[in-house]
Amino acid sequence: MSTYRGPRCRSCNGPCWQWKGSVWGYTCAACIAKHQHAAAARADARDRKARKQNASKLFGNNDSPAVSKVASGR
């Protein structure tokens, strides 16, 4: 049985026979997918935090003038 002597993934050191360009180099598809899923999860967390802060800013302050019962039609 011969051992693999070709290029290896720079993340997991597994066999990676295809060059993925100047950004990824020799990185296997599984490591690229894992990185992209982790990046998407971080982006989702950032978006949730930003939405929570914006909602807090919008609904947390009471700058709008009060509406009287006469003006609201009740």
Protein backbone atom coordinates (compact mmCIF):
# COMPACT_ATOMS: atom_id res chain seq x y z
CA MET A 1 0.00 0.00 0.00
CA SER A 2 1.45 3.40 -0.96
CA THR A 3 1.02 6.57 1.05
CA TYR A 4 -0.30 9.80 -0.39
CA ARG A 5 2.54 12.13 -1.35
CA GLY A 6 0.56 14.92 -3.01
CA PRO A 7 -0.48 18.32 -1.65
CA ARG A 8 -2.17 18.44 1.74
CA CYS A 9 -4.94 20.67 3.11
CA ARG A 10 -3.42 23.52 5.05
CA SER A 11 -6.19 23.33 7.67
CA CYS A 12 -6.61 19.65 8.46
CA ASN A 13 -3.50 18.23 6.72
CA GLY A 14 -5.68 15.77 4.78
CA PRO A 15 -5.12 15.03 1.09
CA CYS A 16 -6.12 17.91 -1.19
CA TRP A 17 -5.33 17.42 -4.85
CA GLN A 18 -6.95 20.58 -6.24
CA TRP A 19 -5.59 24.15 -5.96
CA LYS A 20 -8.43 26.48 -4.86
CA GLY A 21 -6.81 29.79 -5.84
CA SER A 22 -4.71 32.38 -4.06
CA VAL A 23 -7.11 32.77 -1.12
CA TRP A 24 -7.73 29.12 -0.21
CA GLY A 25 -4.65 27.49 -1.74
CA TYR A 26 -4.68 23.77 -1.01
CA THR A 27 -7.68 23.58 1.32
CA CYS A 28 -10.15 20.70 1.15
CA ALA A 29 -13.84 21.30 0.44
CA ALA A 30 -14.83 20.13 3.94
CA CYS A 31 -12.58 22.72 5.62
CA ILE A 32 -13.84 25.48 3.31
CA ALA A 33 -17.46 24.56 4.08
CA LYS A 34 -16.72 24.48 7.84
CA HIS A 35 -15.12 27.94 7.62
CA GLN A 36 -18.05 29.35 5.63
CA HIS A 37 -20.64 27.93 8.06
CA ALA A 38 -18.75 29.40 11.02
CA ALA A 39 -18.53 32.79 9.27
CA ALA A 40 -22.28 32.70 8.54
CA ALA A 41 -23.02 31.91 12.19
CA ARG A 42 -20.88 34.86 13.32
CA ALA A 43 -22.67 37.14 10.83
CA ASP A 44 -26.07 35.95 12.11
CA ALA A 45 -25.02 36.69 15.69
CA ARG A 46 -23.83 40.19 14.68
CA ASP A 47 -27.11 40.84 12.87
CA ARG A 48 -29.20 39.67 15.84
CA LYS A 49 -27.21 41.94 18.16
CA ALA A 50 -27.61 44.92 15.81
CA ARG A 51 -31.37 44.32 15.46
CA LYS A 52 -31.73 44.07 19.23
CA GLN A 53 -29.81 47.34 19.73
CA ASN A 54 -31.84 49.11 17.05
CA ALA A 55 -35.12 47.91 18.55
CA SER A 56 -33.97 49.06 21.96
CA LYS A 57 -33.13 52.49 20.56
CA LEU A 58 -36.44 52.77 18.71
CA PHE A 59 -38.75 51.55 21.44
CA GLY A 60 -36.71 52.42 24.52
CA ASN A 61 -36.99 56.17 24.32
CA ASN A 62 -40.17 58.14 24.82
CA ASP A 63 -39.49 61.17 22.61
CA SER A 64 -42.78 61.09 20.74
CA PRO A 65 -45.47 63.42 22.06
CA ALA A 66 -48.28 61.88 24.05
CA VAL A 67 -51.59 61.47 22.25
CA SER A 68 -54.60 62.63 24.18
CA LYS A 69 -57.75 60.53 24.30
CA VAL A 70 -59.64 63.25 22.42
CA ALA A 71 -57.15 63.24 19.58
CA SER A 72 -57.15 59.46 19.30
CA GLY A 73 -60.91 59.32 18.82
CA ARG A 74 -61.76 57.34 21.96
